[in-house]
Amino acid sequence: MIQGYRKAPFLGRIAIVSLFVAFPALAQQQPAPDQRAPSQQAAAPNASTSQPPDSQSTARTPEEKKDEQKQEQTGTSNDRIFWAMPNFLTVKGTDIPPLTTGQKFNVVARSAFDYFEYPWYGLQAGISQAENSEAGYGQGTEGYAKRYGAAFADGTIENFMVGAVLPSALHQDPRYYQLGKGGFWHRTVYAVGRILITRSDSGRSQFNYSEIFGSAISAGISTFSYHPRGERNIGNAATVWGTEVGYDALTFDVKEFWPDIRRAFRHKKNPTAPADQGST
């Protein structure tokens, strides 16, 4: 789910830039082929006993440890993409307790009314006003207020439909399960595929009715209720639906690679010194 999708191509740009950051970060984690001589390869196990292999990729920060504990206890997360955007419905692993109906509504409400959302929708409304999209809202303070309210309502309705209402009615799991392994394109295909494939509350894979029909319902509600009359037609509703699903696919990609991006930032901030270790 992504908050606010009308006339907001910058959201897609954020996702694309994130993937460009993730690709080299993931490439750095791939072990290089061992080209040492056989005698050196034989001695390698003894040398590796003093230092665990791939310690950089397996090291976890205190925040990550706390987040894993919360997942085990509640089935949700405290994570934030780029340390700001709520990422509470993204989890790791498979042995995670299912969410009750109350938990689904609570976690979506926690995301929808998070402190991050208020300036986020304000930014979207500002860009929309600068582009004069949905001109029926007009300009000035009144036009901005209408755009802000519409953006907030769009995101909130979509979040609840896709993440709480339909998952509760259809007994589907609204969480995104990170794959976290494999090559870049393998993980990208997996992430985009979550648009069509999800889990049931019992853990079985099934068609993602909640995403496809939930986004369609939210697009219909917003288009035919509070948006300008000139925008109220089937074609516009279909365009909004397709745009919404497309941005959700990009969002799943960012969710999948966010741990890699975070590790890349952490490595740049606290680089190791392998040259020093080799010289001792």
Protein backbone atom coordinates (compact mmCIF):
# COMPACT_ATOMS: atom_id res chain seq x y z
CA MET A 1 0.00 0.00 0.00
CA ILE A 2 1.16 3.47 -0.75
CA GLN A 3 -0.26 6.65 0.66
CA GLY A 4 -1.53 9.12 -1.95
CA TYR A 5 -1.27 8.24 -5.62
CA ARG A 6 -3.12 10.81 -7.75
CA LYS A 7 -0.92 12.92 -9.99
CA ALA A 8 2.17 12.03 -7.96
CA PRO A 9 4.85 10.68 -10.32
CA PHE A 10 7.53 11.65 -7.80
CA LEU A 11 6.51 8.64 -5.70
CA GLY A 12 7.53 6.34 -8.51
CA ARG A 13 10.80 8.22 -8.87
CA ILE A 14 11.54 7.67 -5.18
CA ALA A 15 10.97 3.93 -5.63
CA ILE A 16 13.13 3.76 -8.75
CA VAL A 17 15.98 5.67 -7.12
CA SER A 18 15.77 3.32 -4.15
CA LEU A 19 16.17 0.31 -6.43
CA PHE A 20 19.24 1.87 -8.07
CA VAL A 21 20.71 2.22 -4.59
CA ALA A 22 19.78 -1.35 -3.72
CA PHE A 23 21.35 -2.94 -6.80
CA PRO A 24 25.00 -2.07 -6.02
CA ALA A 25 24.39 -2.75 -2.33
CA LEU A 26 23.16 -6.23 -3.17
CA ALA A 27 26.01 -6.80 -5.61
CA GLN A 28 28.53 -6.02 -2.90
CA GLN A 29 27.05 -8.77 -0.74
CA GLN A 30 27.50 -11.48 -3.39
CA PRO A 31 30.65 -13.49 -2.54
CA ALA A 32 33.33 -13.42 -5.21
CA PRO A 33 34.51 -16.74 -6.67
CA ASP A 34 37.35 -18.30 -4.70
CA GLN A 35 40.38 -18.08 -6.97
CA ARG A 36 43.04 -19.02 -4.42
CA ALA A 37 45.46 -21.89 -4.84
CA PRO A 38 44.31 -25.30 -3.50
CA SER A 39 46.77 -25.12 -0.60
CA GLN A 40 45.40 -21.73 0.41
CA GLN A 41 41.82 -23.00 0.12
CA ALA A 42 42.65 -25.90 2.41
CA ALA A 43 44.04 -23.54 5.03
CA ALA A 44 41.07 -21.21 4.82
CA PRO A 45 38.82 -23.02 7.37
CA ASN A 46 41.46 -22.60 10.10
CA ALA A 47 41.82 -18.91 9.32
CA SER A 48 38.08 -18.34 9.32
CA THR A 49 37.55 -19.70 12.80
CA SER A 50 38.63 -16.41 14.35
CA GLN A 51 36.10 -14.36 12.34
CA PRO A 52 32.57 -15.44 11.32
CA PRO A 53 31.99 -15.37 7.55
CA ASP A 54 29.94 -12.55 6.09
CA SER A 55 29.80 -10.81 9.45
CA GLN A 56 28.82 -7.52 7.86
CA SER A 57 25.65 -8.88 6.27
CA THR A 58 24.57 -10.81 9.37
CA ALA A 59 25.30 -8.08 11.92
CA ARG A 60 22.18 -6.54 13.36
CA THR A 61 21.69 -3.22 15.04
CA PRO A 62 19.84 -2.94 18.38
CA GLU A 63 16.89 -1.45 16.47
CA GLU A 64 16.73 -4.48 14.17
CA LYS A 65 16.85 -6.85 17.13
CA LYS A 66 14.00 -4.98 18.84
CA ASP A 67 12.01 -5.09 15.62
CA GLU A 68 12.45 -8.86 15.33
CA GLN A 69 11.23 -9.25 18.90
CA LYS A 70 8.13 -7.18 18.10
CA GLN A 71 7.44 -9.34 15.04
CA GLU A 72 7.56 -12.47 17.19
CA GLN A 73 5.21 -10.94 19.76
CA THR A 74 2.69 -9.02 17.63
CA GLY A 75 3.24 -10.10 14.03
CA THR A 76 3.91 -6.49 12.97
CA SER A 77 6.94 -4.23 12.75
CA ASN A 78 8.22 -0.88 14.00
CA ASP A 79 10.38 -0.41 10.91
CA ARG A 80 10.45 2.80 8.86
CA ILE A 81 11.68 3.11 5.27
CA PHE A 82 14.43 5.72 5.14
CA TRP A 83 13.89 6.02 8.90
CA ALA A 84 10.67 7.97 8.31
CA MET A 85 7.95 6.26 6.23
CA PRO A 86 5.89 3.68 8.21
CA ASN A 87 6.72 0.12 7.23
CA PHE A 88 4.73 -1.67 9.93
CA LEU A 89 3.24 -4.38 7.70
CA THR A 90 6.60 -5.65 6.40
CA VAL A 91 7.97 -8.73 8.17
CA LYS A 92 10.77 -11.28 7.87
CA GLY A 93 10.53 -15.05 8.10
CA THR A 94 7.49 -17.28 8.04
CA ASP A 95 7.00 -18.36 11.67
CA ILE A 96 5.04 -15.24 12.56
CA PRO A 97 1.65 -15.29 14.30
CA PRO A 98 -1.39 -14.50 12.12
CA LEU A 99 -3.13 -11.17 12.59
CA THR A 100 -6.61 -10.93 14.07
CA THR A 101 -9.20 -8.59 12.57
CA GLY A 102 -8.54 -6.10 15.35
CA GLN A 103 -4.80 -6.21 14.75
CA LYS A 104 -5.26 -5.60 11.02
CA PHE A 105 -7.32 -2.48 11.67
CA ASN A 106 -5.00 -1.28 14.44
CA VAL A 107 -1.79 -1.53 12.42
CA VAL A 108 -3.37 0.14 9.38
CA ALA A 109 -4.67 2.96 11.59
CA ARG A 110 -1.23 3.30 13.16
CA SER A 111 0.27 3.72 9.68
CA ALA A 112 -2.48 5.90 8.22
CA PHE A 113 -2.37 8.45 11.04
CA ASP A 114 1.36 8.31 11.70
CA TYR A 115 3.12 11.67 12.18
CA PHE A 116 4.94 11.14 8.87
CA GLU A 117 1.72 11.23 6.87
CA TYR A 118 0.71 14.84 7.60
CA PRO A 119 3.69 16.58 5.96
CA TRP A 120 3.75 13.84 3.30
CA TYR A 121 0.24 14.68 2.14
CA GLY A 122 1.08 18.36 2.45
CA LEU A 123 3.93 17.88 -0.01
CA GLN A 124 1.68 16.00 -2.42
CA ALA A 125 -0.98 18.70 -2.22
CA GLY A 126 1.62 21.37 -2.88
CA ILE A 127 2.93 19.60 -6.00
CA SER A 128 -0.62 18.98 -7.19
CA GLN A 129 -1.46 22.66 -6.77
CA ALA A 130 1.72 23.77 -8.55
CA GLU A 131 0.79 21.53 -11.49
CA ASN A 132 -2.86 22.66 -11.24
CA SER A 133 -3.98 19.05 -11.42
CA GLU A 134 -7.70 18.54 -10.84
CA ALA A 135 -8.30 22.19 -11.70
CA GLY A 136 -11.81 22.02 -10.26
CA TYR A 137 -10.30 22.52 -6.82
CA GLY A 138 -9.07 25.98 -7.80
CA GLN A 139 -6.05 27.77 -6.44
CA GLY A 140 -5.17 29.70 -3.30
CA THR A 141 -5.62 28.52 0.27
CA GLU A 142 -9.00 26.93 -0.43
CA GLY A 143 -7.66 24.96 -3.39
CA TYR A 144 -4.69 23.73 -1.36
CA ALA A 145 -6.93 22.69 1.54
CA LYS A 146 -9.17 20.70 -0.81
CA ARG A 147 -6.20 18.97 -2.39
CA TYR A 148 -4.72 18.19 1.02
CA GLY A 149 -8.00 16.71 2.26
CA ALA A 150 -8.44 14.68 -0.93
CA ALA A 151 -4.88 13.30 -0.78
CA PHE A 152 -5.31 12.34 2.87
CA ALA A 153 -8.67 10.69 2.18
CA ASP A 154 -7.34 8.84 -0.90
CA GLY A 155 -4.44 7.32 1.02
CA THR A 156 -6.46 6.48 4.11
CA ILE A 157 -9.31 4.80 2.22
CA GLU A 158 -6.89 2.79 0.10
CA ASN A 159 -4.89 1.69 3.13
CA PHE A 160 -7.94 0.48 5.03
CA MET A 161 -9.50 -1.27 2.03
CA VAL A 162 -6.32 -3.09 1.00
CA GLY A 163 -4.86 -3.65 4.46
CA ALA A 164 -7.82 -4.17 6.80
CA VAL A 165 -11.36 -4.32 5.37
CA LEU A 166 -10.91 -6.89 2.60
CA PRO A 167 -8.16 -8.89 4.37
CA SER A 168 -10.51 -9.27 7.34
CA ALA A 169 -13.51 -10.24 5.19
CA LEU A 170 -11.51 -12.62 2.99
CA HIS A 171 -9.17 -13.92 5.71
CA GLN A 172 -6.05 -12.78 3.87
CA ASP A 173 -2.74 -11.65 5.31
CA PRO A 174 -2.02 -7.98 4.43
CA ARG A 175 1.67 -8.17 5.37
CA TYR A 176 4.61 -8.14 2.97
CA TYR A 177 7.03 -11.00 3.66
CA GLN A 178 10.56 -10.06 2.64
CA LEU A 179 12.36 -12.73 0.62
CA GLY A 180 15.78 -11.35 1.56
CA LYS A 181 17.83 -13.81 -0.50
CA GLY A 182 18.72 -14.48 -4.11
CA GLY A 183 19.76 -12.18 -6.94
CA PHE A 184 18.42 -8.72 -7.67
CA TRP A 185 16.03 -9.72 -10.44
CA HIS A 186 14.81 -12.81 -8.60
CA ARG A 187 13.84 -10.67 -5.63
CA THR A 188 12.36 -7.98 -7.88
CA VAL A 189 10.10 -10.52 -9.60
CA TYR A 190 9.08 -11.88 -6.20
CA ALA A 191 8.26 -8.40 -4.89
CA VAL A 192 6.19 -7.37 -7.92
CA GLY A 193 4.45 -10.74 -7.84
CA ARG A 194 3.05 -9.98 -4.38
CA ILE A 195 0.55 -7.73 -6.16
CA LEU A 196 -1.13 -10.90 -7.45
CA ILE A 197 -0.09 -13.48 -4.85
CA THR A 198 -0.53 -13.22 -1.10
CA ARG A 199 -1.03 -15.45 1.91
CA SER A 200 -4.19 -16.47 3.62
CA ASP A 201 -4.45 -16.19 7.39
CA SER A 202 -3.65 -19.90 7.48
CA GLY A 203 -0.42 -19.37 5.52
CA ARG A 204 -1.50 -20.68 2.11
CA SER A 205 -0.64 -18.84 -1.10
CA GLN A 206 -3.64 -17.45 -2.97
CA PHE A 207 -4.70 -14.71 -5.37
CA ASN A 208 -4.40 -11.25 -3.82
CA TYR A 209 -8.06 -10.27 -3.93
CA SER A 210 -7.47 -7.68 -1.22
CA GLU A 211 -4.97 -5.71 -3.31
CA ILE A 212 -6.76 -5.89 -6.67
CA PHE A 213 -10.34 -5.38 -5.50
CA GLY A 214 -9.47 -3.23 -2.49
CA SER A 215 -7.64 -0.72 -4.65
CA ALA A 216 -10.49 -0.78 -7.19
CA ILE A 217 -13.06 -0.07 -4.49
CA SER A 218 -10.99 2.77 -3.02
CA ALA A 219 -10.47 4.30 -6.48
CA GLY A 220 -14.21 4.17 -7.11
CA ILE A 221 -15.11 5.71 -3.75
CA SER A 222 -12.70 8.60 -4.09
CA THR A 223 -13.42 9.30 -7.77
CA PHE A 224 -17.19 9.38 -7.49
CA SER A 225 -17.55 11.16 -4.14
CA TYR A 226 -15.30 14.08 -3.19
CA HIS A 227 -13.10 14.69 -6.23
CA PRO A 228 -14.13 17.43 -8.74
CA ARG A 229 -17.17 16.61 -10.85
CA GLY A 230 -15.14 16.78 -14.02
CA GLU A 231 -13.06 13.85 -12.75
CA ARG A 232 -16.02 11.59 -12.00
CA ASN A 233 -16.04 9.04 -14.79
CA ILE A 234 -15.22 5.39 -15.30
CA GLY A 235 -12.10 6.11 -17.31
CA ASN A 236 -10.56 8.24 -14.59
CA ALA A 237 -11.44 5.68 -11.93
CA ALA A 238 -9.76 2.96 -13.99
CA THR A 239 -6.67 5.14 -14.46
CA VAL A 240 -6.48 5.81 -10.73
CA TRP A 241 -6.85 2.08 -10.02
CA GLY A 242 -4.06 1.14 -12.42
CA THR A 243 -1.78 3.88 -11.09
CA GLU A 244 -2.45 2.77 -7.53
CA VAL A 245 -1.62 -0.88 -8.25
CA GLY A 246 1.53 0.17 -10.14
CA TYR A 247 2.78 2.28 -7.24
CA ASP A 248 2.02 -0.54 -4.83
CA ALA A 249 4.23 -2.82 -6.93
CA LEU A 250 7.06 -0.28 -6.74
CA THR A 251 6.48 0.03 -3.01
CA PHE A 252 6.86 -3.74 -2.60
CA ASP A 253 10.21 -3.48 -4.39
CA VAL A 254 11.36 -0.82 -1.93
CA LYS A 255 10.12 -2.93 0.98
CA GLU A 256 12.13 -5.90 -0.31
CA PHE A 257 15.39 -4.02 -0.74
CA TRP A 258 15.16 -1.56 2.14
CA PRO A 259 17.30 -3.79 4.45
CA ASP A 260 20.04 -3.82 1.80
CA ILE A 261 19.84 -0.04 1.40
CA ARG A 262 19.97 0.41 5.16
CA ARG A 263 23.05 -1.84 5.45
CA ALA A 264 24.73 0.09 2.64
CA PHE A 265 24.18 3.38 4.49
CA ARG A 266 25.37 1.84 7.75
CA HIS A 267 28.52 0.45 6.08
CA LYS A 268 29.37 3.87 4.62
CA LYS A 269 28.88 5.48 8.02
CA ASN A 270 30.96 2.88 9.89
CA PRO A 271 33.38 1.35 7.34
CA THR A 272 35.56 -1.58 8.35
CA ALA A 273 39.29 -1.68 7.71
CA PRO A 274 40.18 -4.98 6.04
CA ALA A 275 43.54 -3.61 4.93
CA ASP A 276 44.60 -3.11 8.53
CA GLN A 277 43.59 -6.65 9.41
CA GLY A 278 45.59 -8.04 6.54
CA SER A 279 48.74 -6.14 7.51
CA THR A 280 48.90 -7.47 11.07
